[in-house]
Amino acid sequence: RLRSAPLTVRFVTNTTKESKRDLLERLTCLGFDIAEHEIFTSLTAARNLLEQQQVRPLLLVDDKALPDFTGISTDNPNAVVVGLAPEHFHYEMMNKAFR
């Protein structure tokens, strides 16, 4: 009924563990009729902010989330994006982020 109504449909999540493409694949396997542009994640919001502020992030996110940041320059970072990525939370990486 929502799709036939004059409404914009969005699927919103705060997950930072997977890319939008992986999430789309998982939801379609569960039977959802959904398009990638209908998904809005916290990574989407982070990418939008990075682009608006024109900053270069150090990405402390799960490797499966990295595709959502394709095209974003990470050379000489001047910002940090933190997601659920316990494998990246170690002394060396935290030291780099704080610098």
N, C-alpha and C. Protein backbone atom coordinates (compact mmCIF):
# COMPACT_ATOMS: atom_id res chain seq x y z
N ARG A 1 0.82 -1.20 0.00
CA ARG A 1 0.00 0.00 0.00
C ARG A 1 0.86 1.26 0.00
N LEU A 2 2.01 1.20 0.69
CA LEU A 2 2.88 2.38 0.72
C LEU A 2 3.38 2.74 -0.67
N ARG A 3 3.74 1.75 -1.45
CA ARG A 3 4.27 2.02 -2.79
C ARG A 3 3.22 2.63 -3.71
N SER A 4 1.95 2.32 -3.48
CA SER A 4 0.90 2.89 -4.33
C SER A 4 0.45 4.27 -3.83
N ALA A 5 0.88 4.64 -2.64
CA ALA A 5 0.54 5.96 -2.08
C ALA A 5 1.53 7.00 -2.60
N PRO A 6 1.15 8.26 -2.57
CA PRO A 6 2.06 9.33 -3.02
C PRO A 6 3.10 9.67 -1.95
N LEU A 7 3.90 8.65 -1.59
CA LEU A 7 4.91 8.81 -0.55
C LEU A 7 6.26 8.34 -1.06
N THR A 8 7.31 8.87 -0.48
CA THR A 8 8.65 8.37 -0.73
C THR A 8 8.95 7.30 0.31
N VAL A 9 9.36 6.12 -0.14
CA VAL A 9 9.65 5.02 0.77
C VAL A 9 11.16 4.94 0.99
N ARG A 10 11.58 4.86 2.25
CA ARG A 10 12.99 4.70 2.60
C ARG A 10 13.11 3.64 3.67
N PHE A 11 14.18 2.89 3.60
CA PHE A 11 14.53 1.91 4.62
C PHE A 11 15.74 2.47 5.34
N VAL A 12 15.61 2.73 6.63
CA VAL A 12 16.63 3.42 7.39
C VAL A 12 17.20 2.48 8.45
N THR A 13 18.54 2.49 8.57
CA THR A 13 19.20 1.66 9.57
C THR A 13 20.42 2.39 10.11
N ASN A 14 20.83 2.02 11.30
CA ASN A 14 22.04 2.61 11.87
C ASN A 14 23.22 1.66 11.79
N THR A 15 23.11 0.62 10.98
CA THR A 15 24.20 -0.34 10.87
C THR A 15 25.44 0.29 10.23
N THR A 16 26.60 -0.08 10.75
CA THR A 16 27.87 0.35 10.16
C THR A 16 28.71 -0.86 9.80
N LYS A 17 28.15 -2.04 9.89
CA LYS A 17 28.89 -3.28 9.72
C LYS A 17 28.96 -3.75 8.27
N GLU A 18 28.10 -3.23 7.39
CA GLU A 18 28.07 -3.70 6.01
C GLU A 18 27.73 -2.56 5.07
N SER A 19 28.13 -2.72 3.83
CA SER A 19 27.84 -1.70 2.82
C SER A 19 26.36 -1.74 2.44
N LYS A 20 25.94 -0.69 1.81
CA LYS A 20 24.56 -0.60 1.34
C LYS A 20 24.25 -1.73 0.36
N ARG A 21 25.19 -2.06 -0.49
CA ARG A 21 25.02 -3.14 -1.48
C ARG A 21 24.81 -4.49 -0.77
N ASP A 22 25.60 -4.78 0.27
CA ASP A 22 25.44 -6.03 1.03
C ASP A 22 24.10 -6.06 1.75
N LEU A 23 23.70 -4.94 2.30
CA LEU A 23 22.42 -4.84 2.98
C LEU A 23 21.27 -5.07 2.00
N LEU A 24 21.37 -4.48 0.82
CA LEU A 24 20.36 -4.67 -0.22
C LEU A 24 20.24 -6.16 -0.58
N GLU A 25 21.36 -6.81 -0.76
CA GLU A 25 21.35 -8.23 -1.10
C GLU A 25 20.67 -9.06 -0.01
N ARG A 26 21.00 -8.75 1.24
CA ARG A 26 20.41 -9.49 2.36
C ARG A 26 18.90 -9.27 2.44
N LEU A 27 18.46 -8.01 2.25
CA LEU A 27 17.03 -7.71 2.33
C LEU A 27 16.24 -8.33 1.17
N THR A 28 16.81 -8.33 -0.02
CA THR A 28 16.11 -8.93 -1.16
C THR A 28 16.03 -10.45 -0.98
N CYS A 29 17.05 -11.05 -0.38
CA CYS A 29 16.99 -12.50 -0.09
C CYS A 29 15.90 -12.82 0.93
N LEU A 30 15.57 -11.85 1.77
CA LEU A 30 14.50 -12.03 2.75
C LEU A 30 13.12 -11.75 2.16
N GLY A 31 13.10 -11.32 0.89
CA GLY A 31 11.82 -11.11 0.22
C GLY A 31 11.37 -9.66 0.10
N PHE A 32 12.20 -8.73 0.52
CA PHE A 32 11.85 -7.32 0.40
C PHE A 32 11.98 -6.87 -1.05
N ASP A 33 11.01 -6.12 -1.53
CA ASP A 33 11.07 -5.50 -2.85
C ASP A 33 11.63 -4.10 -2.62
N ILE A 34 12.92 -3.96 -2.85
CA ILE A 34 13.62 -2.74 -2.44
C ILE A 34 14.69 -2.40 -3.46
N ALA A 35 14.92 -1.10 -3.63
CA ALA A 35 15.99 -0.62 -4.52
C ALA A 35 17.08 0.02 -3.65
N GLU A 36 18.30 0.01 -4.16
CA GLU A 36 19.42 0.54 -3.38
C GLU A 36 19.22 1.99 -2.96
N HIS A 37 18.64 2.81 -3.84
CA HIS A 37 18.45 4.23 -3.50
C HIS A 37 17.42 4.44 -2.39
N GLU A 38 16.67 3.39 -2.03
CA GLU A 38 15.69 3.49 -0.95
C GLU A 38 16.30 3.21 0.43
N ILE A 39 17.55 2.79 0.45
CA ILE A 39 18.22 2.48 1.71
C ILE A 39 19.04 3.68 2.17
N PHE A 40 18.86 4.06 3.42
CA PHE A 40 19.64 5.15 4.01
C PHE A 40 20.25 4.61 5.30
N THR A 41 21.59 4.60 5.36
CA THR A 41 22.29 4.08 6.53
C THR A 41 23.07 5.19 7.22
N SER A 42 23.60 4.87 8.38
CA SER A 42 24.46 5.84 9.06
C SER A 42 25.73 6.09 8.25
N LEU A 43 26.15 5.09 7.46
CA LEU A 43 27.30 5.29 6.57
C LEU A 43 26.94 6.27 5.45
N THR A 44 25.71 6.22 4.98
CA THR A 44 25.24 7.18 3.97
C THR A 44 25.32 8.60 4.55
N ALA A 45 24.86 8.75 5.78
CA ALA A 45 24.89 10.06 6.44
C ALA A 45 26.34 10.52 6.62
N ALA A 46 27.22 9.60 7.02
CA ALA A 46 28.63 9.94 7.22
C ALA A 46 29.26 10.38 5.90
N ARG A 47 29.00 9.64 4.84
CA ARG A 47 29.56 10.00 3.53
C ARG A 47 29.05 11.38 3.09
N ASN A 48 27.76 11.62 3.27
CA ASN A 48 27.20 12.92 2.89
C ASN A 48 27.90 14.05 3.65
N LEU A 49 28.14 13.85 4.94
CA LEU A 49 28.81 14.87 5.75
C LEU A 49 30.25 15.07 5.30
N LEU A 50 30.95 13.98 5.01
CA LEU A 50 32.33 14.08 4.52
C LEU A 50 32.39 14.90 3.24
N GLU A 51 31.45 14.65 2.33
CA GLU A 51 31.42 15.38 1.07
C GLU A 51 31.06 16.85 1.29
N GLN A 52 30.11 17.13 2.17
CA GLN A 52 29.72 18.51 2.45
C GLN A 52 30.87 19.30 3.08
N GLN A 53 31.57 18.66 4.01
CA GLN A 53 32.65 19.34 4.74
C GLN A 53 33.97 19.29 3.99
N GLN A 54 34.03 18.49 2.93
CA GLN A 54 35.23 18.33 2.11
C GLN A 54 36.45 17.96 2.96
N VAL A 55 36.27 16.90 3.77
CA VAL A 55 37.36 16.41 4.60
C VAL A 55 37.81 15.04 4.11
N ARG A 56 38.99 14.64 4.57
CA ARG A 56 39.59 13.35 4.20
C ARG A 56 39.64 12.48 5.45
N PRO A 57 38.81 11.46 5.51
CA PRO A 57 38.71 10.69 6.74
C PRO A 57 39.70 9.55 6.88
N LEU A 58 40.01 9.24 8.12
CA LEU A 58 40.58 7.96 8.50
C LEU A 58 39.34 7.10 8.77
N LEU A 59 39.18 6.02 8.04
CA LEU A 59 37.97 5.20 8.15
C LEU A 59 38.19 4.05 9.12
N LEU A 60 37.63 4.16 10.30
CA LEU A 60 37.66 3.08 11.29
C LEU A 60 36.33 2.35 11.20
N VAL A 61 36.13 1.68 10.07
CA VAL A 61 34.90 0.94 9.82
C VAL A 61 35.27 -0.48 9.39
N ASP A 62 34.31 -1.36 9.47
CA ASP A 62 34.52 -2.74 9.02
C ASP A 62 34.88 -2.75 7.54
N ASP A 63 35.71 -3.68 7.14
CA ASP A 63 36.12 -3.77 5.74
C ASP A 63 34.93 -3.93 4.80
N LYS A 64 33.85 -4.56 5.27
CA LYS A 64 32.65 -4.73 4.44
C LYS A 64 31.92 -3.41 4.21
N ALA A 65 32.22 -2.40 5.00
CA ALA A 65 31.58 -1.10 4.86
C ALA A 65 32.35 -0.16 3.93
N LEU A 66 33.59 -0.49 3.62
CA LEU A 66 34.44 0.39 2.81
C LEU A 66 33.87 0.74 1.44
N PRO A 67 33.14 -0.17 0.76
CA PRO A 67 32.59 0.22 -0.55
C PRO A 67 31.69 1.47 -0.51
N ASP A 68 31.09 1.75 0.63
CA ASP A 68 30.24 2.94 0.72
C ASP A 68 31.05 4.24 0.72
N PHE A 69 32.37 4.13 0.79
CA PHE A 69 33.22 5.32 0.79
C PHE A 69 34.11 5.39 -0.46
N THR A 70 33.78 4.60 -1.47
CA THR A 70 34.52 4.61 -2.73
C THR A 70 34.52 6.03 -3.30
N GLY A 71 35.71 6.49 -3.69
CA GLY A 71 35.83 7.83 -4.26
C GLY A 71 36.12 8.92 -3.25
N ILE A 72 36.04 8.62 -1.98
CA ILE A 72 36.36 9.59 -0.93
C ILE A 72 37.86 9.52 -0.67
N SER A 73 38.54 10.64 -0.75
CA SER A 73 39.98 10.68 -0.51
C SER A 73 40.28 10.45 0.97
N THR A 74 41.20 9.53 1.23
CA THR A 74 41.62 9.26 2.61
C THR A 74 43.10 9.57 2.81
N ASP A 75 43.71 10.26 1.83
CA ASP A 75 45.11 10.66 1.94
C ASP A 75 45.23 11.78 2.96
N ASN A 76 46.24 11.69 3.81
CA ASN A 76 46.49 12.73 4.81
C ASN A 76 45.20 13.10 5.54
N PRO A 77 44.61 12.17 6.30
CA PRO A 77 43.30 12.40 6.92
C PRO A 77 43.26 13.59 7.87
N ASN A 78 42.12 14.29 7.84
CA ASN A 78 41.88 15.39 8.77
C ASN A 78 40.53 15.22 9.48
N ALA A 79 40.01 13.99 9.45
CA ALA A 79 38.76 13.63 10.13
C ALA A 79 38.80 12.13 10.40
N VAL A 80 37.93 11.67 11.28
CA VAL A 80 37.85 10.25 11.61
C VAL A 80 36.40 9.82 11.55
N VAL A 81 36.14 8.69 10.88
CA VAL A 81 34.81 8.08 10.86
C VAL A 81 34.92 6.77 11.63
N VAL A 82 34.08 6.61 12.65
CA VAL A 82 34.12 5.43 13.50
C VAL A 82 32.84 4.63 13.32
N GLY A 83 32.99 3.35 13.05
CA GLY A 83 31.87 2.43 12.96
C GLY A 83 32.17 1.21 13.82
N LEU A 84 31.31 0.21 13.73
CA LEU A 84 31.52 -1.03 14.47
C LEU A 84 32.58 -1.84 13.75
N ALA A 85 33.80 -1.75 14.26
CA ALA A 85 34.94 -2.42 13.63
C ALA A 85 35.98 -2.78 14.69
N PRO A 86 35.65 -3.74 15.56
CA PRO A 86 36.56 -4.06 16.65
C PRO A 86 37.96 -4.45 16.19
N GLU A 87 38.08 -5.02 14.99
CA GLU A 87 39.40 -5.42 14.51
C GLU A 87 40.31 -4.22 14.24
N HIS A 88 39.75 -3.03 14.13
CA HIS A 88 40.54 -1.83 13.88
C HIS A 88 40.84 -1.05 15.16
N PHE A 89 40.28 -1.47 16.28
CA PHE A 89 40.48 -0.75 17.53
C PHE A 89 41.64 -1.37 18.30
N HIS A 90 42.82 -0.94 17.92
CA HIS A 90 44.03 -1.38 18.60
C HIS A 90 44.92 -0.14 18.78
N TYR A 91 45.97 -0.30 19.56
CA TYR A 91 46.81 0.83 19.94
C TYR A 91 47.29 1.64 18.74
N GLU A 92 47.83 0.98 17.74
CA GLU A 92 48.40 1.69 16.58
C GLU A 92 47.34 2.53 15.85
N MET A 93 46.17 1.93 15.63
CA MET A 93 45.12 2.65 14.90
C MET A 93 44.52 3.78 15.74
N MET A 94 44.33 3.53 17.02
CA MET A 94 43.78 4.58 17.90
C MET A 94 44.76 5.74 18.00
N ASN A 95 46.05 5.44 18.06
CA ASN A 95 47.07 6.48 18.11
C ASN A 95 47.01 7.34 16.84
N LYS A 96 46.86 6.65 15.70
CA LYS A 96 46.76 7.34 14.40
C LYS A 96 45.51 8.24 14.37
N ALA A 97 44.40 7.71 14.87
CA ALA A 97 43.15 8.49 14.88
C ALA A 97 43.27 9.73 15.76
N PHE A 98 43.88 9.59 16.92
CA PHE A 98 44.01 10.73 17.82
C PHE A 98 44.96 11.79 17.27
N ARG A 99 45.94 11.37 16.47
CA ARG A 99 46.85 12.35 15.87
C ARG A 99 46.15 13.12 14.79
